Every structure is written in structure tokens, then in C-alpha cells.
Amino acid sequence: MSNTRVSVIEADLSRSDHQSATIDLLDGYSMDPMADAAPLSDIARRELIAGLRAHPTTLVFLAYRGPEPVGLAICFRGFSTFAARPLVNIHDFFVVPAHRGTGISQMLFAAIEQRARELGCCKLTLEVLENNHRARRVYAAAGFAPPQYAPGNGGSLFLAKLL
């Protein structure tokens, strides 16, 4: 592993290099066994950047080791009604396997948290597969845990209905 400096930036999706890095890293994430275990579809590759750019709450963070893109976080601003403040949901989070365990995820989380604080957010949220034990350890180390909003009510579960 190179000792080349790692940097994390908020992507500018009008830049072709940031567009390419976003698509390539998301494709890598899509191929991961804890994701779809398959490459992004042609439709996703073709429409992703335009869709992200059109969505008014998109935040994308890229991690680079030197010139090489090695990490990605695609986030969306949301709103907490009980706190009456915005939040940031980390929708996609990926570090290239060869670069895992080198602190890149912590750097991505720090950048996301800093931006969320600048936006006045009350929390960061994310979802993780129940059996993705490695990611769960990374997220726990970054301070993520199932939220418990009222004593005795148990932790929050993420549910979905596919359309």
C-alpha cells in the first residue's frame, strides 16, 4: 500500500473527473457481495450523474489516495420533524477493497459530519445489511448505532417496499 496522502473532497458533479470517479466507485460498490454483486446497469451508468445533479439535496464525497479515487459517499439531506432540523442520510458508502483498513472510511465520515454540522443537521443516518459485519464494525467505530428515541421502545429498524 502506498503512503501517498489521502484527501477527501465534496464532489463537483459538473466536473467530468468527479463524474467518472463517482460512477466507477459506485460500480465497484455495486459489484461487492454485500451490495448487488453485479455491475451497475447500463441505465444507472447513463443516468446516475444527471439524476444526482437534478436532486436538490445531493451531497457526494470522494476520497483520493494521490490521484486515485478510493472512496465514495453519496448522501442526501433530509429533515427530522421531531428535531425540526435537517439531517444527512448516507445512502451509499464504499471504500475500494485494497484500501480498506487504512482510515479512509473515518476520513469520509469526518468530512460528512463536518458538512452536516455546517448545514445545521441534527444527525447522520445510514442503513447497513444485517450480515455485513465488517461494515457494521466500521460504522460502530464511527459512532453509529440503532437509535432509541424513547426508553423501552427498542431500536429503530429500516424497512423498504420496492416499487
N, C-alpha and C. Protein backbone atom coordinates (compact mmCIF):
# COMPACT_ATOMS: atom_id res chain seq x y z
N MET A 1 0.85 -1.18 0.00
CA MET A 1 0.00 0.00 0.00
C MET A 1 0.89 1.23 0.00
N SER A 2 0.59 2.15 -0.84
CA SER A 2 1.34 3.39 -0.96
C SER A 2 1.08 4.29 0.24
N ASN A 3 2.08 5.07 0.62
CA ASN A 3 1.92 6.05 1.68
C ASN A 3 1.46 7.39 1.12
N THR A 4 1.01 7.40 -0.12
CA THR A 4 0.53 8.62 -0.74
C THR A 4 -0.60 9.20 0.08
N ARG A 5 -0.60 10.49 0.21
CA ARG A 5 -1.58 11.23 1.01
C ARG A 5 -3.01 10.97 0.53
N VAL A 6 -3.92 10.83 1.49
CA VAL A 6 -5.34 10.67 1.20
C VAL A 6 -6.02 12.00 1.43
N SER A 7 -6.90 12.37 0.51
CA SER A 7 -7.70 13.58 0.68
C SER A 7 -9.15 13.24 0.41
N VAL A 8 -10.04 13.97 1.08
CA VAL A 8 -11.48 13.81 0.88
C VAL A 8 -12.03 15.16 0.46
N ILE A 9 -12.82 15.14 -0.60
CA ILE A 9 -13.42 16.38 -1.11
C ILE A 9 -14.91 16.18 -1.30
N GLU A 10 -15.64 17.29 -1.29
CA GLU A 10 -17.03 17.24 -1.71
C GLU A 10 -17.01 17.37 -3.23
N ALA A 11 -17.60 16.41 -3.91
CA ALA A 11 -17.54 16.35 -5.37
C ALA A 11 -18.30 17.51 -6.00
N ASP A 12 -17.79 17.93 -7.14
CA ASP A 12 -18.46 18.89 -8.01
C ASP A 12 -18.89 18.09 -9.23
N LEU A 13 -20.16 17.71 -9.28
CA LEU A 13 -20.63 16.81 -10.35
C LEU A 13 -20.76 17.48 -11.70
N SER A 14 -20.35 18.73 -11.81
CA SER A 14 -20.24 19.34 -13.14
C SER A 14 -18.87 19.02 -13.74
N ARG A 15 -17.96 18.49 -12.94
CA ARG A 15 -16.61 18.13 -13.42
C ARG A 15 -16.61 16.69 -13.92
N SER A 16 -16.06 16.49 -15.10
CA SER A 16 -16.07 15.15 -15.68
C SER A 16 -15.24 14.16 -14.86
N ASP A 17 -14.14 14.61 -14.24
CA ASP A 17 -13.34 13.68 -13.44
C ASP A 17 -14.09 13.25 -12.18
N HIS A 18 -14.87 14.13 -11.58
CA HIS A 18 -15.68 13.76 -10.42
C HIS A 18 -16.84 12.86 -10.85
N GLN A 19 -17.39 13.11 -12.02
CA GLN A 19 -18.44 12.24 -12.55
C GLN A 19 -17.90 10.82 -12.75
N SER A 20 -16.76 10.71 -13.40
CA SER A 20 -16.16 9.39 -13.67
C SER A 20 -15.83 8.67 -12.38
N ALA A 21 -15.24 9.39 -11.42
CA ALA A 21 -14.89 8.76 -10.14
C ALA A 21 -16.15 8.25 -9.44
N THR A 22 -17.21 9.04 -9.46
CA THR A 22 -18.46 8.64 -8.80
C THR A 22 -19.03 7.38 -9.45
N ILE A 23 -19.10 7.36 -10.76
CA ILE A 23 -19.65 6.19 -11.46
C ILE A 23 -18.76 4.97 -11.24
N ASP A 24 -17.45 5.12 -11.38
CA ASP A 24 -16.55 3.98 -11.23
C ASP A 24 -16.58 3.41 -9.81
N LEU A 25 -16.58 4.28 -8.80
CA LEU A 25 -16.62 3.80 -7.42
C LEU A 25 -17.96 3.17 -7.09
N LEU A 26 -19.06 3.76 -7.57
CA LEU A 26 -20.36 3.17 -7.32
C LEU A 26 -20.49 1.82 -8.03
N ASP A 27 -19.88 1.70 -9.19
CA ASP A 27 -19.86 0.42 -9.89
C ASP A 27 -19.10 -0.62 -9.06
N GLY A 28 -17.98 -0.20 -8.47
CA GLY A 28 -17.23 -1.11 -7.60
C GLY A 28 -18.07 -1.54 -6.40
N TYR A 29 -18.79 -0.59 -5.83
CA TYR A 29 -19.67 -0.91 -4.70
C TYR A 29 -20.77 -1.86 -5.15
N SER A 30 -21.37 -1.61 -6.30
CA SER A 30 -22.43 -2.46 -6.82
C SER A 30 -21.96 -3.90 -6.99
N MET A 31 -20.70 -4.09 -7.36
CA MET A 31 -20.16 -5.44 -7.58
C MET A 31 -19.82 -6.16 -6.27
N ASP A 32 -19.78 -5.43 -5.17
CA ASP A 32 -19.45 -6.04 -3.88
C ASP A 32 -20.51 -7.07 -3.49
N PRO A 33 -20.11 -8.19 -2.90
CA PRO A 33 -21.08 -9.21 -2.47
C PRO A 33 -22.11 -8.67 -1.47
N MET A 34 -21.78 -7.61 -0.73
CA MET A 34 -22.71 -7.02 0.22
C MET A 34 -23.57 -5.93 -0.43
N ALA A 35 -23.48 -5.81 -1.73
CA ALA A 35 -24.36 -4.89 -2.49
C ALA A 35 -25.15 -5.76 -3.46
N ASP A 36 -25.09 -5.45 -4.75
CA ASP A 36 -25.83 -6.23 -5.74
C ASP A 36 -25.04 -7.41 -6.30
N ALA A 37 -23.73 -7.46 -6.02
CA ALA A 37 -22.85 -8.50 -6.55
C ALA A 37 -22.88 -8.53 -8.08
N ALA A 38 -23.12 -7.36 -8.68
CA ALA A 38 -23.16 -7.23 -10.14
C ALA A 38 -22.84 -5.78 -10.49
N PRO A 39 -22.33 -5.55 -11.69
CA PRO A 39 -22.03 -4.17 -12.10
C PRO A 39 -23.30 -3.33 -12.18
N LEU A 40 -23.11 -2.02 -12.15
CA LEU A 40 -24.24 -1.12 -12.37
C LEU A 40 -24.86 -1.41 -13.73
N SER A 41 -26.14 -1.24 -13.82
CA SER A 41 -26.81 -1.42 -15.11
C SER A 41 -26.40 -0.30 -16.07
N ASP A 42 -26.59 -0.54 -17.34
CA ASP A 42 -26.30 0.50 -18.33
C ASP A 42 -27.15 1.74 -18.07
N ILE A 43 -28.39 1.53 -17.67
CA ILE A 43 -29.27 2.67 -17.37
C ILE A 43 -28.72 3.48 -16.21
N ALA A 44 -28.31 2.80 -15.13
CA ALA A 44 -27.75 3.52 -13.98
C ALA A 44 -26.49 4.27 -14.37
N ARG A 45 -25.61 3.63 -15.12
CA ARG A 45 -24.37 4.31 -15.54
C ARG A 45 -24.68 5.54 -16.39
N ARG A 46 -25.68 5.42 -17.23
CA ARG A 46 -26.03 6.51 -18.14
C ARG A 46 -26.76 7.66 -17.43
N GLU A 47 -27.61 7.34 -16.46
CA GLU A 47 -28.49 8.35 -15.86
C GLU A 47 -28.09 8.81 -14.47
N LEU A 48 -27.11 8.17 -13.85
CA LEU A 48 -26.76 8.47 -12.47
C LEU A 48 -26.39 9.93 -12.24
N ILE A 49 -25.44 10.43 -13.00
CA ILE A 49 -24.93 11.78 -12.74
C ILE A 49 -26.03 12.82 -12.95
N ALA A 50 -26.77 12.70 -14.03
CA ALA A 50 -27.87 13.65 -14.26
C ALA A 50 -28.89 13.59 -13.13
N GLY A 51 -29.19 12.40 -12.67
CA GLY A 51 -30.13 12.25 -11.57
C GLY A 51 -29.62 12.85 -10.28
N LEU A 52 -28.36 12.60 -9.97
CA LEU A 52 -27.78 13.20 -8.76
C LEU A 52 -27.74 14.71 -8.85
N ARG A 53 -27.38 15.22 -10.02
CA ARG A 53 -27.30 16.67 -10.19
C ARG A 53 -28.69 17.32 -10.11
N ALA A 54 -29.71 16.61 -10.56
CA ALA A 54 -31.07 17.16 -10.54
C ALA A 54 -31.70 17.08 -9.15
N HIS A 55 -31.21 16.19 -8.32
CA HIS A 55 -31.79 16.02 -6.99
C HIS A 55 -31.27 17.14 -6.09
N PRO A 56 -32.16 17.94 -5.52
CA PRO A 56 -31.72 19.16 -4.82
C PRO A 56 -30.98 18.94 -3.51
N THR A 57 -30.96 17.73 -2.97
CA THR A 57 -30.31 17.53 -1.67
C THR A 57 -29.05 16.67 -1.74
N THR A 58 -28.56 16.41 -2.94
CA THR A 58 -27.41 15.53 -3.13
C THR A 58 -26.12 16.12 -2.57
N LEU A 59 -25.39 15.27 -1.86
CA LEU A 59 -24.03 15.57 -1.42
C LEU A 59 -23.19 14.34 -1.77
N VAL A 60 -22.09 14.53 -2.48
CA VAL A 60 -21.21 13.42 -2.84
C VAL A 60 -19.82 13.75 -2.34
N PHE A 61 -19.20 12.78 -1.66
CA PHE A 61 -17.84 12.93 -1.16
C PHE A 61 -16.96 11.88 -1.81
N LEU A 62 -15.79 12.30 -2.22
CA LEU A 62 -14.81 11.41 -2.86
C LEU A 62 -13.52 11.41 -2.05
N ALA A 63 -12.98 10.22 -1.85
CA ALA A 63 -11.67 10.09 -1.21
C ALA A 63 -10.67 9.70 -2.29
N TYR A 64 -9.53 10.35 -2.26
CA TYR A 64 -8.44 10.08 -3.22
C TYR A 64 -7.18 9.72 -2.46
N ARG A 65 -6.47 8.72 -2.94
CA ARG A 65 -5.10 8.46 -2.49
C ARG A 65 -4.25 8.93 -3.65
N GLY A 66 -3.62 10.10 -3.47
CA GLY A 66 -2.96 10.75 -4.60
C GLY A 66 -4.02 11.04 -5.65
N PRO A 67 -3.79 10.67 -6.91
CA PRO A 67 -4.79 10.94 -7.95
C PRO A 67 -5.86 9.85 -8.08
N GLU A 68 -5.72 8.76 -7.31
CA GLU A 68 -6.61 7.60 -7.47
C GLU A 68 -7.84 7.72 -6.58
N PRO A 69 -9.06 7.68 -7.16
CA PRO A 69 -10.26 7.66 -6.33
C PRO A 69 -10.39 6.32 -5.62
N VAL A 70 -10.52 6.37 -4.28
CA VAL A 70 -10.53 5.14 -3.48
C VAL A 70 -11.72 5.04 -2.53
N GLY A 71 -12.55 6.08 -2.44
CA GLY A 71 -13.69 6.03 -1.53
C GLY A 71 -14.80 6.96 -1.99
N LEU A 72 -16.02 6.61 -1.62
CA LEU A 72 -17.20 7.33 -2.08
C LEU A 72 -18.27 7.33 -1.00
N ALA A 73 -18.92 8.46 -0.83
CA ALA A 73 -20.13 8.54 -0.01
C ALA A 73 -21.14 9.40 -0.78
N ILE A 74 -22.27 8.81 -1.09
CA ILE A 74 -23.37 9.56 -1.71
C ILE A 74 -24.42 9.76 -0.63
N CYS A 75 -24.71 11.02 -0.37
CA CYS A 75 -25.60 11.39 0.74
C CYS A 75 -26.72 12.28 0.24
N PHE A 76 -27.78 12.33 1.03
CA PHE A 76 -28.91 13.19 0.73
C PHE A 76 -29.36 13.87 2.01
N ARG A 77 -29.64 15.16 1.90
CA ARG A 77 -30.18 15.88 3.04
C ARG A 77 -31.64 15.50 3.20
N GLY A 78 -32.04 15.33 4.44
CA GLY A 78 -33.43 15.06 4.79
C GLY A 78 -33.83 16.00 5.91
N PHE A 79 -34.90 15.66 6.59
CA PHE A 79 -35.40 16.55 7.65
C PHE A 79 -35.96 15.71 8.79
N SER A 80 -35.58 16.04 10.01
CA SER A 80 -36.11 15.41 11.19
C SER A 80 -37.26 16.26 11.72
N THR A 81 -38.46 15.73 11.67
CA THR A 81 -39.62 16.50 12.14
C THR A 81 -39.58 16.72 13.64
N PHE A 82 -39.15 15.71 14.41
CA PHE A 82 -39.14 15.86 15.87
C PHE A 82 -38.08 16.86 16.32
N ALA A 83 -36.96 16.93 15.62
CA ALA A 83 -35.92 17.90 15.97
C ALA A 83 -36.12 19.22 15.22
N ALA A 84 -36.96 19.22 14.19
CA ALA A 84 -37.21 20.40 13.35
C ALA A 84 -35.89 20.94 12.78
N ARG A 85 -35.05 19.99 12.36
CA ARG A 85 -33.75 20.34 11.77
C ARG A 85 -33.42 19.36 10.65
N PRO A 86 -32.54 19.78 9.76
CA PRO A 86 -32.14 18.86 8.70
C PRO A 86 -31.29 17.71 9.24
N LEU A 87 -31.13 16.69 8.42
CA LEU A 87 -30.26 15.56 8.70
C LEU A 87 -29.56 15.19 7.40
N VAL A 88 -28.53 14.38 7.49
CA VAL A 88 -27.86 13.84 6.31
C VAL A 88 -27.95 12.33 6.37
N ASN A 89 -28.49 11.74 5.30
CA ASN A 89 -28.54 10.29 5.16
C ASN A 89 -27.42 9.87 4.22
N ILE A 90 -26.60 8.96 4.71
CA ILE A 90 -25.53 8.38 3.89
C ILE A 90 -26.14 7.20 3.16
N HIS A 91 -26.38 7.40 1.87
CA HIS A 91 -27.10 6.39 1.09
C HIS A 91 -26.16 5.31 0.55
N ASP A 92 -25.02 5.70 0.05
CA ASP A 92 -24.01 4.76 -0.46
C ASP A 92 -22.68 5.12 0.19
N PHE A 93 -21.97 4.10 0.65
CA PHE A 93 -20.67 4.31 1.29
C PHE A 93 -19.76 3.18 0.87
N PHE A 94 -18.62 3.53 0.28
CA PHE A 94 -17.75 2.50 -0.30
C PHE A 94 -16.30 2.92 -0.25
N VAL A 95 -15.45 1.98 0.16
CA VAL A 95 -14.00 2.13 0.06
C VAL A 95 -13.50 0.95 -0.77
N VAL A 96 -12.67 1.23 -1.76
CA VAL A 96 -12.09 0.18 -2.60
C VAL A 96 -11.43 -0.87 -1.69
N PRO A 97 -11.74 -2.15 -1.91
CA PRO A 97 -11.24 -3.20 -1.01
C PRO A 97 -9.75 -3.13 -0.70
N ALA A 98 -8.91 -2.84 -1.69
CA ALA A 98 -7.46 -2.78 -1.45
C ALA A 98 -7.07 -1.64 -0.52
N HIS A 99 -7.98 -0.71 -0.26
CA HIS A 99 -7.68 0.45 0.58
C HIS A 99 -8.43 0.43 1.91
N ARG A 100 -9.15 -0.64 2.17
CA ARG A 100 -9.88 -0.75 3.43
C ARG A 100 -8.89 -0.96 4.58
N GLY A 101 -9.28 -0.50 5.74
CA GLY A 101 -8.43 -0.64 6.92
C GLY A 101 -7.31 0.38 6.99
N THR A 102 -7.37 1.42 6.15
CA THR A 102 -6.32 2.43 6.13
C THR A 102 -6.78 3.79 6.64
N GLY A 103 -8.00 3.85 7.20
CA GLY A 103 -8.51 5.10 7.74
C GLY A 103 -9.34 5.93 6.79
N ILE A 104 -9.53 5.45 5.57
CA ILE A 104 -10.28 6.23 4.58
C ILE A 104 -11.73 6.40 5.01
N SER A 105 -12.35 5.36 5.54
CA SER A 105 -13.75 5.50 5.96
C SER A 105 -13.89 6.55 7.05
N GLN A 106 -12.96 6.59 8.00
CA GLN A 106 -13.03 7.60 9.05
C GLN A 106 -12.89 9.01 8.48
N MET A 107 -12.05 9.15 7.46
CA MET A 107 -11.88 10.46 6.81
C MET A 107 -13.15 10.87 6.07
N LEU A 108 -13.79 9.92 5.41
CA LEU A 108 -15.06 10.21 4.74
C LEU A 108 -16.12 10.62 5.77
N PHE A 109 -16.22 9.85 6.85
CA PHE A 109 -17.20 10.19 7.88
C PHE A 109 -16.93 11.57 8.47
N ALA A 110 -15.67 11.90 8.69
CA ALA A 110 -15.34 13.22 9.25
C ALA A 110 -15.77 14.34 8.31
N ALA A 111 -15.56 14.15 7.01
CA ALA A 111 -15.96 15.17 6.04
C ALA A 111 -17.48 15.31 5.99
N ILE A 112 -18.18 14.18 6.02
CA ILE A 112 -19.65 14.21 6.01
C ILE A 112 -20.16 14.91 7.27
N GLU A 113 -19.61 14.54 8.41
CA GLU A 113 -20.06 15.15 9.67
C GLU A 113 -19.79 16.65 9.69
N GLN A 114 -18.62 17.05 9.21
CA GLN A 114 -18.31 18.49 9.17
C GLN A 114 -19.33 19.23 8.31
N ARG A 115 -19.63 18.68 7.13
CA ARG A 115 -20.60 19.34 6.24
C ARG A 115 -21.99 19.35 6.88
N ALA A 116 -22.37 18.25 7.54
CA ALA A 116 -23.67 18.19 8.20
C ALA A 116 -23.77 19.24 9.31
N ARG A 117 -22.70 19.42 10.06
CA ARG A 117 -22.71 20.45 11.11
C ARG A 117 -22.83 21.84 10.48
N GLU A 118 -22.14 22.06 9.37
CA GLU A 118 -22.24 23.35 8.68
C GLU A 118 -23.68 23.62 8.23
N LEU A 119 -24.40 22.56 7.87
CA LEU A 119 -25.79 22.67 7.42
C LEU A 119 -26.78 22.72 8.59
N GLY A 120 -26.29 22.63 9.82
CA GLY A 120 -27.16 22.68 10.98
C GLY A 120 -27.92 21.39 11.23
N CYS A 121 -27.38 20.28 10.76
CA CYS A 121 -28.07 18.99 10.88
C CYS A 121 -28.04 18.47 12.32
N CYS A 122 -29.07 17.69 12.64
CA CYS A 122 -29.18 17.10 13.97
C CYS A 122 -28.61 15.69 14.04
N LYS A 123 -28.44 15.03 12.88
CA LYS A 123 -27.92 13.67 12.91
C LYS A 123 -27.51 13.22 11.52
N LEU A 124 -26.73 12.14 11.51
CA LEU A 124 -26.39 11.40 10.30
C LEU A 124 -27.11 10.06 10.40
N THR A 125 -27.62 9.57 9.27
CA THR A 125 -28.26 8.26 9.25
C THR A 125 -27.66 7.43 8.13
N LEU A 126 -27.78 6.12 8.25
CA LEU A 126 -27.38 5.21 7.19
C LEU A 126 -28.08 3.88 7.42
N GLU A 127 -28.03 3.04 6.41
CA GLU A 127 -28.54 1.67 6.54
C GLU A 127 -27.41 0.73 6.21
N VAL A 128 -27.48 -0.47 6.76
CA VAL A 128 -26.46 -1.48 6.52
C VAL A 128 -27.13 -2.84 6.55
N LEU A 129 -26.65 -3.74 5.71
CA LEU A 129 -27.19 -5.09 5.72
C LEU A 129 -26.86 -5.76 7.06
N GLU A 130 -27.81 -6.48 7.55
CA GLU A 130 -27.68 -7.15 8.85
C GLU A 130 -26.42 -8.02 8.93
N ASN A 131 -26.09 -8.71 7.84
CA ASN A 131 -24.94 -9.62 7.85
C ASN A 131 -23.65 -8.99 7.35
N ASN A 132 -23.64 -7.69 7.14
CA ASN A 132 -22.41 -7.02 6.71
C ASN A 132 -21.63 -6.63 7.98
N HIS A 133 -21.02 -7.62 8.58
CA HIS A 133 -20.38 -7.44 9.87
C HIS A 133 -19.19 -6.48 9.82
N ARG A 134 -18.43 -6.53 8.75
CA ARG A 134 -17.29 -5.62 8.63
C ARG A 134 -17.77 -4.16 8.60
N ALA A 135 -18.76 -3.88 7.76
CA ALA A 135 -19.29 -2.50 7.69
C ALA A 135 -19.90 -2.09 9.02
N ARG A 136 -20.59 -3.00 9.67
CA ARG A 136 -21.19 -2.67 10.97
C ARG A 136 -20.13 -2.29 11.99
N ARG A 137 -18.98 -2.97 11.96
CA ARG A 137 -17.89 -2.61 12.88
C ARG A 137 -17.33 -1.22 12.54
N VAL A 138 -17.18 -0.94 11.24
CA VAL A 138 -16.69 0.37 10.81
C VAL A 138 -17.66 1.46 11.26
N TYR A 139 -18.95 1.22 11.05
CA TYR A 139 -19.96 2.22 11.41
C TYR A 139 -20.02 2.41 12.92
N ALA A 140 -19.94 1.32 13.68
CA ALA A 140 -19.96 1.43 15.15
C ALA A 140 -18.75 2.24 15.63
N ALA A 141 -17.59 1.99 15.02
CA ALA A 141 -16.38 2.74 15.40
C ALA A 141 -16.53 4.22 15.10
N ALA A 142 -17.37 4.56 14.12
CA ALA A 142 -17.61 5.96 13.77
C ALA A 142 -18.75 6.56 14.59
N GLY A 143 -19.34 5.77 15.51
CA GLY A 143 -20.37 6.30 16.40
C GLY A 143 -21.80 6.00 16.00
N PHE A 144 -22.00 5.19 14.98
CA PHE A 144 -23.36 4.84 14.55
C PHE A 144 -23.89 3.67 15.37
N ALA A 145 -25.16 3.76 15.75
CA ALA A 145 -25.83 2.70 16.49
C ALA A 145 -27.32 2.80 16.20
N PRO A 146 -28.07 1.70 16.42
CA PRO A 146 -29.52 1.79 16.23
C PRO A 146 -30.08 2.85 17.19
N PRO A 147 -30.82 3.82 16.66
CA PRO A 147 -31.33 4.86 17.55
C PRO A 147 -32.46 4.35 18.43
N GLN A 148 -32.46 4.83 19.66
CA GLN A 148 -33.56 4.57 20.57
C GLN A 148 -34.08 5.93 21.01
N TYR A 149 -35.28 6.23 20.60
CA TYR A 149 -35.82 7.57 20.81
C TYR A 149 -36.55 7.71 22.14
N ALA A 150 -37.13 6.65 22.64
CA ALA A 150 -37.82 6.69 23.93
C ALA A 150 -37.48 5.40 24.68
N PRO A 151 -37.16 5.52 25.95
CA PRO A 151 -36.80 4.32 26.72
C PRO A 151 -37.90 3.26 26.63
N GLY A 152 -37.45 2.02 26.43
CA GLY A 152 -38.39 0.91 26.39
C GLY A 152 -39.02 0.63 25.03
N ASN A 153 -38.81 1.52 24.05
CA ASN A 153 -39.43 1.32 22.74
C ASN A 153 -38.56 0.51 21.79
N GLY A 154 -37.34 0.22 22.16
CA GLY A 154 -36.45 -0.55 21.30
C GLY A 154 -35.79 0.32 20.25
N GLY A 155 -34.90 -0.30 19.48
CA GLY A 155 -34.18 0.42 18.43
C GLY A 155 -35.00 0.56 17.17
N SER A 156 -34.58 1.48 16.34
CA SER A 156 -35.26 1.75 15.08
C SER A 156 -34.84 0.72 14.04
N LEU A 157 -35.76 0.30 13.19
CA LEU A 157 -35.49 -0.60 12.08
C LEU A 157 -35.71 0.14 10.77
N PHE A 158 -34.92 -0.16 9.78
CA PHE A 158 -35.11 0.41 8.44
C PHE A 158 -35.89 -0.60 7.63
N LEU A 159 -36.98 -0.16 7.03
CA LEU A 159 -37.82 -1.03 6.20
C LEU A 159 -37.94 -0.43 4.81
N ALA A 160 -38.24 -1.25 3.83
CA ALA A 160 -38.42 -0.77 2.46
C ALA A 160 -39.54 -1.55 1.79
N LYS A 161 -40.18 -0.89 0.85
CA LYS A 161 -41.13 -1.55 -0.03
C LYS A 161 -40.69 -1.22 -1.45
N LEU A 162 -40.21 -2.20 -2.17
CA LEU A 162 -39.72 -1.98 -3.51
C LEU A 162 -40.89 -1.74 -4.47
N LEU A 163 -40.72 -0.79 -5.35
CA LEU A 163 -41.76 -0.47 -6.33
C LEU A 163 -41.29 -0.81 -7.73
